[in-house]
Amino acid sequence: MRKALNFIFLSFFSTSVLAGNLSASDGIKILAVDGKKAKFEHSLSEQLVSLADGKHQVVARFDDEVRDGSRKVIFTSKPYVFEIIMSDDDLELTLPRLTTDSQARAHFSRGPKWALVNEKSDEKILIDYERLPGIGFGGFGNIEKVIAEYNREKGIVLYSGQVSGSNDLVKLKHDAQISSQGNDTLRQLQLWYTKASDEERKAFKRWMIDVD
C-alpha cells in the first residue's frame, strides 16, 4: 500500500529546474517568498531570488531613505502580497521613484503602482496586490506566521516540493481543507486531491478500493 501511494505521489511531479531570477529595485525589500522569510547576505540593492517555473507568492514592502524638508528619514510601507508567475526571463519588482516623505505617503495612500519589469525585453507590467494585515502586537514581527494566517483565511496552500524542487501555489475551493498535521507525503496527496477534477477524484477513489 505504501509503495503504491508513493508511486502515485511521485507521478504527480516532473523534474523542475530553476527558470529565472526575481530581483527588487532600490528601496524595495523582499520579505518572503512562498511563505518563507527571505534572507540575503548582501544589501537590499543586491536582492536576488532564483525561482522555478510557475506561480509564486511574494511579500515585499518599500523601505528606504527619503527627504523630509532638509532632513533624511526612513519611510517604511506596509507589506504587500503578490502572485508572480515566473518563466525563463528574469524579473524585477519595481515602484515609481519616491524621493520625499510626502511623495511616498501620497503614493501609498492612493494605492501603490507595483510593477514587474522583464529585464530581457524591458517590458513593464503593473501587477495586482493585497496589503498584508498584521497580527496582534508587533504586527509583522513573525512574518511567516502572518503569511500563514493570511493564506489560511484566503484558502491558499503553498508547498515547496522536496521531490522536484518545484513550488506550487493553489487557491482552494471554499469547502476544501488541508490538514496542518501529518507528514509531507500526506500533505502532498491532500494538495493534489484538491487540484483534481471530479472524474480524477472518482478514479482515485476506485483505485484506493482496489488496492486496499
C-alpha atoms as a PDB file:
ATOM      1  CA  MET A   1       0.000   0.000   0.000  1.00  0.00           C
ATOM      2  CA  ARG A   2       2.743   2.467   0.975  1.00  0.00           C
ATOM      3  CA  LYS A   3       4.718   1.661  -2.199  1.00  0.00           C
ATOM      4  CA  ALA A   4       1.620   2.220  -4.318  1.00  0.00           C
ATOM      5  CA  LEU A   5       0.897   5.564  -2.641  1.00  0.00           C
ATOM      6  CA  ASN A   6       4.478   6.678  -3.084  1.00  0.00           C
ATOM      7  CA  PHE A   7       4.281   5.794  -6.785  1.00  0.00           C
ATOM      8  CA  ILE A   8       1.148   7.907  -7.213  1.00  0.00           C
ATOM      9  CA  PHE A   9       2.762  10.695  -5.183  1.00  0.00           C
ATOM     10  CA  LEU A  10       5.891  10.735  -7.369  1.00  0.00           C
ATOM     11  CA  SER A  11       3.963  10.526 -10.616  1.00  0.00           C
ATOM     12  CA  PHE A  12       2.348  13.899  -9.964  1.00  0.00           C
ATOM     13  CA  PHE A  13       5.710  15.617 -10.359  1.00  0.00           C
ATOM     14  CA  SER A  14       8.129  16.155 -13.181  1.00  0.00           C
ATOM     15  CA  THR A  15      11.712  17.267 -12.800  1.00  0.00           C
ATOM     16  CA  SER A  16      11.892  21.065 -12.456  1.00  0.00           C
ATOM     17  CA  VAL A  17      14.801  23.407 -12.927  1.00  0.00           C
ATOM     18  CA  LEU A  18      15.283  26.979 -11.864  1.00  0.00           C
ATOM     19  CA  ALA A  19      13.678  29.144 -14.527  1.00  0.00           C
ATOM     20  CA  GLY A  20      14.555  32.733 -13.683  1.00  0.00           C
ATOM     21  CA  ASN A  21      15.593  35.275 -11.090  1.00  0.00           C
ATOM     22  CA  LEU A  22      13.425  37.742  -9.209  1.00  0.00           C
ATOM     23  CA  SER A  23      15.086  40.933  -8.004  1.00  0.00           C
ATOM     24  CA  ALA A  24      13.877  44.204  -6.464  1.00  0.00           C
ATOM     25  CA  SER A  25      14.701  47.769  -7.418  1.00  0.00           C
ATOM     26  CA  ASP A  26      16.267  50.224  -4.970  1.00  0.00           C
ATOM     27  CA  GLY A  27      14.149  50.846  -1.872  1.00  0.00           C
ATOM     28  CA  ILE A  28      12.102  47.659  -2.135  1.00  0.00           C
ATOM     29  CA  LYS A  29      12.652  44.887   0.402  1.00  0.00           C
ATOM     30  CA  ILE A  30      11.564  41.328  -0.384  1.00  0.00           C
ATOM     31  CA  LEU A  31      10.292  39.930   2.927  1.00  0.00           C
ATOM     32  CA  ALA A  32       9.209  36.411   1.990  1.00  0.00           C
ATOM     33  CA  VAL A  33       8.844  34.027  -0.932  1.00  0.00           C
ATOM     34  CA  ASP A  34       6.370  31.143  -0.902  1.00  0.00           C
ATOM     35  CA  GLY A  35       5.703  31.576   2.806  1.00  0.00           C
ATOM     36  CA  LYS A  36       9.353  31.552   3.869  1.00  0.00           C
ATOM     37  CA  LYS A  37      11.251  34.558   5.197  1.00  0.00           C
ATOM     38  CA  ALA A  38      13.741  35.862   2.634  1.00  0.00           C
ATOM     39  CA  LYS A  39      17.352  36.118   3.759  1.00  0.00           C
ATOM     40  CA  PHE A  40      20.084  37.897   1.802  1.00  0.00           C
ATOM     41  CA  GLU A  41      23.785  38.074   2.504  1.00  0.00           C
ATOM     42  CA  HIS A  42      24.198  41.418   0.781  1.00  0.00           C
ATOM     43  CA  SER A  43      22.484  44.820   0.777  1.00  0.00           C
ATOM     44  CA  LEU A  44      18.888  45.447  -0.305  1.00  0.00           C
ATOM     45  CA  SER A  45      20.080  46.567  -3.741  1.00  0.00           C
ATOM     46  CA  GLU A  46      21.520  43.091  -4.329  1.00  0.00           C
ATOM     47  CA  GLN A  47      18.425  41.045  -3.508  1.00  0.00           C
ATOM     48  CA  LEU A  48      18.065  38.121  -5.893  1.00  0.00           C
ATOM     49  CA  VAL A  49      15.863  35.033  -5.654  1.00  0.00           C
ATOM     50  CA  SER A  50      16.109  32.087  -8.073  1.00  0.00           C
ATOM     51  CA  LEU A  51      12.654  30.624  -8.655  1.00  0.00           C
ATOM     52  CA  ALA A  52      11.274  27.631 -10.514  1.00  0.00           C
ATOM     53  CA  ASP A  53       8.879  27.975 -13.405  1.00  0.00           C
ATOM     54  CA  GLY A  54       5.304  28.658 -12.247  1.00  0.00           C
ATOM     55  CA  LYS A  55       3.369  30.698  -9.694  1.00  0.00           C
ATOM     56  CA  HIS A  56       4.970  32.073  -6.547  1.00  0.00           C
ATOM     57  CA  GLN A  57       3.741  34.159  -3.648  1.00  0.00           C
ATOM     58  CA  VAL A  58       5.995  37.110  -2.863  1.00  0.00           C
ATOM     59  CA  VAL A  59       5.698  39.564   0.034  1.00  0.00           C
ATOM     60  CA  ALA A  60       7.547  42.892  -0.181  1.00  0.00           C
ATOM     61  CA  ARG A  61       7.451  46.458   1.054  1.00  0.00           C
ATOM     62  CA  PHE A  62       9.021  49.823   0.356  1.00  0.00           C
ATOM     63  CA  ASP A  63      11.691  50.621   2.953  1.00  0.00           C
ATOM     64  CA  ASP A  64      14.082  53.421   2.031  1.00  0.00           C
ATOM     65  CA  GLU A  65      15.571  56.760   2.942  1.00  0.00           C
ATOM     66  CA  VAL A  66      13.626  59.800   1.719  1.00  0.00           C
ATOM     67  CA  ARG A  67      13.822  63.540   2.355  1.00  0.00           C
ATOM     68  CA  ASP A  68      11.516  65.395   4.735  1.00  0.00           C
ATOM     69  CA  GLY A  69      12.444  69.021   4.165  1.00  0.00           C
ATOM     70  CA  SER A  70      16.143  69.303   4.983  1.00  0.00           C
ATOM     71  CA  ARG A  71      16.192  66.014   6.911  1.00  0.00           C
ATOM     72  CA  LYS A  72      16.618  62.454   5.745  1.00  0.00           C
ATOM     73  CA  VAL A  73      14.118  59.979   7.189  1.00  0.00           C
ATOM     74  CA  ILE A  74      13.229  56.314   6.628  1.00  0.00           C
ATOM     75  CA  PHE A  75       9.846  55.610   5.067  1.00  0.00           C
ATOM     76  CA  THR A  76       8.548  52.066   5.554  1.00  0.00           C
ATOM     77  CA  SER A  77       5.323  50.939   3.928  1.00  0.00           C
ATOM     78  CA  LYS A  78       3.067  48.095   4.996  1.00  0.00           C
ATOM     79  CA  PRO A  79       3.916  44.708   3.429  1.00  0.00           C
ATOM     80  CA  TYR A  80       2.127  43.748   0.212  1.00  0.00           C
ATOM     81  CA  VAL A  81       1.362  40.294  -1.202  1.00  0.00           C
ATOM     82  CA  PHE A  82       1.808  39.435  -4.887  1.00  0.00           C
ATOM     83  CA  GLU A  83       1.243  36.365  -7.055  1.00  0.00           C
ATOM     84  CA  ILE A  84       4.096  36.264  -9.542  1.00  0.00           C
ATOM     85  CA  ILE A  85       4.385  33.885 -12.489  1.00  0.00           C
ATOM     86  CA  MET A  86       7.981  33.008 -13.315  1.00  0.00           C
ATOM     87  CA  SER A  87       9.174  31.758 -16.693  1.00  0.00           C
ATOM     88  CA  ASP A  88      12.576  31.757 -18.362  1.00  0.00           C
ATOM     89  CA  ASP A  89      13.080  35.521 -18.031  1.00  0.00           C
ATOM     90  CA  ASP A  90      14.464  37.484 -15.091  1.00  0.00           C
ATOM     91  CA  LEU A  91      12.003  39.886 -13.451  1.00  0.00           C
ATOM     92  CA  GLU A  92      12.438  42.954 -11.271  1.00  0.00           C
ATOM     93  CA  LEU A  93       9.837  44.168  -8.777  1.00  0.00           C
ATOM     94  CA  THR A  94       9.580  47.960  -9.018  1.00  0.00           C
ATOM     95  CA  LEU A  95       7.753  51.075  -7.863  1.00  0.00           C
ATOM     96  CA  PRO A  96       7.786  54.637  -9.222  1.00  0.00           C
ATOM     97  CA  ARG A  97      10.761  56.602  -7.876  1.00  0.00           C
ATOM     98  CA  LEU A  98       9.904  58.025  -4.455  1.00  0.00           C
ATOM     99  CA  THR A  99      12.322  60.613  -3.073  1.00  0.00           C
ATOM    100  CA  THR A 100      10.405  62.584  -0.422  1.00  0.00           C
ATOM    101  CA  ASP A 101       8.336  61.591   2.594  1.00  0.00           C
ATOM    102  CA  SER A 102       5.259  63.458   1.354  1.00  0.00           C
ATOM    103  CA  GLN A 103       5.578  61.867  -2.076  1.00  0.00           C
ATOM    104  CA  ALA A 104       5.815  58.365  -0.581  1.00  0.00           C
ATOM    105  CA  ARG A 105       2.864  58.925   1.764  1.00  0.00           C
ATOM    106  CA  ALA A 106       0.699  60.256  -1.075  1.00  0.00           C
ATOM    107  CA  HIS A 107       1.656  57.369  -3.367  1.00  0.00           C
ATOM    108  CA  PHE A 108       0.744  54.654  -0.869  1.00  0.00           C
ATOM    109  CA  SER A 109      -2.439  56.390   0.272  1.00  0.00           C
ATOM    110  CA  ARG A 110      -3.661  56.474  -3.363  1.00  0.00           C
ATOM    111  CA  GLY A 111      -2.668  52.859  -3.948  1.00  0.00           C
ATOM    112  CA  PRO A 112       0.905  51.976  -4.930  1.00  0.00           C
ATOM    113  CA  LYS A 113       1.722  51.083  -8.540  1.00  0.00           C
ATOM    114  CA  TRP A 114       3.696  47.883  -8.123  1.00  0.00           C
ATOM    115  CA  ALA A 115       5.095  46.543 -11.377  1.00  0.00           C
ATOM    116  CA  LEU A 116       7.295  43.812 -12.803  1.00  0.00           C
ATOM    117  CA  VAL A 117       9.953  44.664 -15.360  1.00  0.00           C
ATOM    118  CA  ASN A 118      11.136  41.957 -17.738  1.00  0.00           C
ATOM    119  CA  GLU A 119      14.885  42.515 -17.765  1.00  0.00           C
ATOM    120  CA  LYS A 120      15.227  40.941 -21.218  1.00  0.00           C
ATOM    121  CA  SER A 121      12.519  42.864 -23.082  1.00  0.00           C
ATOM    122  CA  ASP A 122      12.351  45.864 -20.697  1.00  0.00           C
ATOM    123  CA  GLU A 123       8.557  45.463 -20.676  1.00  0.00           C
ATOM    124  CA  LYS A 124       6.832  46.787 -17.546  1.00  0.00           C
ATOM    125  CA  ILE A 125       3.555  45.277 -16.347  1.00  0.00           C
ATOM    126  CA  LEU A 126       1.501  46.555 -13.404  1.00  0.00           C
ATOM    127  CA  ILE A 127       0.619  43.711 -11.040  1.00  0.00           C
ATOM    128  CA  ASP A 128      -2.243  43.079  -8.638  1.00  0.00           C
ATOM    129  CA  TYR A 129      -1.574  43.037  -4.922  1.00  0.00           C
ATOM    130  CA  GLU A 130      -3.157  42.943  -1.496  1.00  0.00           C
ATOM    131  CA  ARG A 131      -1.913  44.600   1.642  1.00  0.00           C
ATOM    132  CA  LEU A 132      -0.844  42.054   4.222  1.00  0.00           C
ATOM    133  CA  PRO A 133      -2.696  42.538   7.540  1.00  0.00           C
ATOM    134  CA  GLY A 134      -0.612  42.281  10.693  1.00  0.00           C
ATOM    135  CA  ILE A 135      -1.345  40.090  13.691  1.00  0.00           C
ATOM    136  CA  GLY A 136      -1.590  41.472  17.211  1.00  0.00           C
ATOM    137  CA  PHE A 137       1.119  43.457  18.970  1.00  0.00           C
ATOM    138  CA  GLY A 138       4.163  43.912  16.787  1.00  0.00           C
ATOM    139  CA  GLY A 139       2.135  43.369  13.629  1.00  0.00           C
ATOM    140  CA  PHE A 140       4.726  41.776  11.364  1.00  0.00           C
ATOM    141  CA  GLY A 141       7.375  40.608  13.839  1.00  0.00           C
ATOM    142  CA  ASN A 142       6.917  36.995  12.756  1.00  0.00           C
ATOM    143  CA  ILE A 143       6.358  37.394   9.014  1.00  0.00           C
ATOM    144  CA  GLU A 144       5.993  33.663   8.374  1.00  0.00           C
ATOM    145  CA  LYS A 145       3.195  33.415  10.943  1.00  0.00           C
ATOM    146  CA  VAL A 146       1.452  36.453   9.437  1.00  0.00           C
ATOM    147  CA  ILE A 147       1.627  34.947   5.943  1.00  0.00           C
ATOM    148  CA  ALA A 148       0.406  31.565   7.173  1.00  0.00           C
ATOM    149  CA  GLU A 149      -2.648  33.205   8.765  1.00  0.00           C
ATOM    150  CA  TYR A 150      -3.288  35.258   5.606  1.00  0.00           C
ATOM    151  CA  ASN A 151      -3.121  32.130   3.438  1.00  0.00           C
ATOM    152  CA  ARG A 152      -5.395  30.212   5.794  1.00  0.00           C
ATOM    153  CA  GLU A 153      -8.002  32.974   5.602  1.00  0.00           C
ATOM    154  CA  LYS A 154      -7.729  33.151   1.801  1.00  0.00           C
ATOM    155  CA  GLY A 155      -7.722  29.390   1.265  1.00  0.00           C
ATOM    156  CA  ILE A 156      -4.245  29.364  -0.260  1.00  0.00           C
ATOM    157  CA  VAL A 157      -1.897  26.407   0.017  1.00  0.00           C
ATOM    158  CA  LEU A 158       1.834  26.822  -0.556  1.00  0.00           C
ATOM    159  CA  TYR A 159       4.012  23.797  -0.909  1.00  0.00           C
ATOM    160  CA  SER A 160       7.691  23.571  -1.791  1.00  0.00           C
ATOM    161  CA  GLY A 161       8.175  20.069  -3.154  1.00  0.00           C
ATOM    162  CA  GLN A 162      11.164  18.142  -1.886  1.00  0.00           C
ATOM    163  CA  VAL A 163      10.971  15.655  -4.758  1.00  0.00           C
ATOM    164  CA  SER A 164      11.194  18.014  -7.716  1.00  0.00           C
ATOM    165  CA  GLY A 165      12.355  21.238  -6.104  1.00  0.00           C
ATOM    166  CA  SER A 166       9.344  22.945  -7.677  1.00  0.00           C
ATOM    167  CA  ASN A 167       6.881  25.259  -5.954  1.00  0.00           C
ATOM    168  CA  ASP A 168       3.125  25.269  -6.086  1.00  0.00           C
ATOM    169  CA  LEU A 169       0.575  27.914  -5.175  1.00  0.00           C
ATOM    170  CA  VAL A 170      -3.000  26.651  -5.050  1.00  0.00           C
ATOM    171  CA  LYS A 171      -6.184  28.539  -4.203  1.00  0.00           C
ATOM    172  CA  LEU A 172      -8.627  26.060  -2.705  1.00  0.00           C
ATOM    173  CA  LYS A 173     -12.381  25.897  -3.062  1.00  0.00           C
ATOM    174  CA  HIS A 174     -14.242  27.213  -0.027  1.00  0.00           C
ATOM    175  CA  ASP A 175     -15.153  23.707   1.159  1.00  0.00           C
ATOM    176  CA  ALA A 176     -11.646  22.265   0.730  1.00  0.00           C
ATOM    177  CA  GLN A 177      -9.434  21.727   3.750  1.00  0.00           C
ATOM    178  CA  ILE A 178      -5.805  20.729   4.138  1.00  0.00           C
ATOM    179  CA  SER A 179      -4.658  19.214   7.408  1.00  0.00           C
ATOM    180  CA  SER A 180      -1.928  21.170   9.156  1.00  0.00           C
ATOM    181  CA  GLN A 181      -0.685  17.930  10.680  1.00  0.00           C
ATOM    182  CA  GLY A 182       0.841  14.811   9.188  1.00  0.00           C
ATOM    183  CA  ASN A 183       3.887  14.017   7.103  1.00  0.00           C
ATOM    184  CA  ASP A 184       4.940  15.571   3.803  1.00  0.00           C
ATOM    185  CA  THR A 185       3.547  12.690   1.734  1.00  0.00           C
ATOM    186  CA  LEU A 186       0.097  13.142   3.280  1.00  0.00           C
ATOM    187  CA  ARG A 187       0.124  16.887   2.636  1.00  0.00           C
ATOM    188  CA  GLN A 188       1.168  16.303  -0.978  1.00  0.00           C
ATOM    189  CA  LEU A 189      -1.653  13.814  -1.531  1.00  0.00           C
ATOM    190  CA  GLN A 190      -4.156  16.220   0.030  1.00  0.00           C
ATOM    191  CA  LEU A 191      -2.866  19.082  -2.093  1.00  0.00           C
ATOM    192  CA  TRP A 192      -3.094  17.211  -5.380  1.00  0.00           C
ATOM    193  CA  TYR A 193      -6.516  15.795  -4.490  1.00  0.00           C
ATOM    194  CA  THR A 194      -7.862  19.356  -4.180  1.00  0.00           C
ATOM    195  CA  LYS A 195      -6.462  20.140  -7.645  1.00  0.00           C
ATOM    196  CA  ALA A 196      -8.003  17.074  -9.319  1.00  0.00           C
ATOM    197  CA  SER A 197     -11.202  17.146 -11.385  1.00  0.00           C
ATOM    198  CA  ASP A 198     -14.318  15.256 -10.257  1.00  0.00           C
ATOM    199  CA  GLU A 199     -13.543  12.420 -12.685  1.00  0.00           C
ATOM    200  CA  GLU A 200      -9.947  12.186 -11.471  1.00  0.00           C
ATOM    201  CA  ARG A 201     -11.138  12.046  -7.853  1.00  0.00           C
ATOM    202  CA  LYS A 202     -13.570   9.242  -8.684  1.00  0.00           C
ATOM    203  CA  ALA A 203     -10.839   7.296 -10.477  1.00  0.00           C
ATOM    204  CA  PHE A 204      -8.527   7.740  -7.489  1.00  0.00           C
ATOM    205  CA  LYS A 205     -11.185   6.530  -5.061  1.00  0.00           C
ATOM    206  CA  ARG A 206     -11.822   3.432  -7.197  1.00  0.00           C
ATOM    207  CA  TRP A 207      -8.076   2.750  -7.244  1.00  0.00           C
ATOM    208  CA  MET A 208      -7.935   3.082  -3.437  1.00  0.00           C
ATOM    209  CA  ILE A 209     -10.731   0.494  -3.076  1.00  0.00           C
ATOM    210  CA  ASP A 210      -8.941  -1.913  -5.409  1.00  0.00           C
ATOM    211  CA  VAL A 211      -5.591  -1.760  -3.588  1.00  0.00           C
ATOM    212  CA  ASP A 212      -6.979  -1.938  -0.032  1.00  0.00           C
END
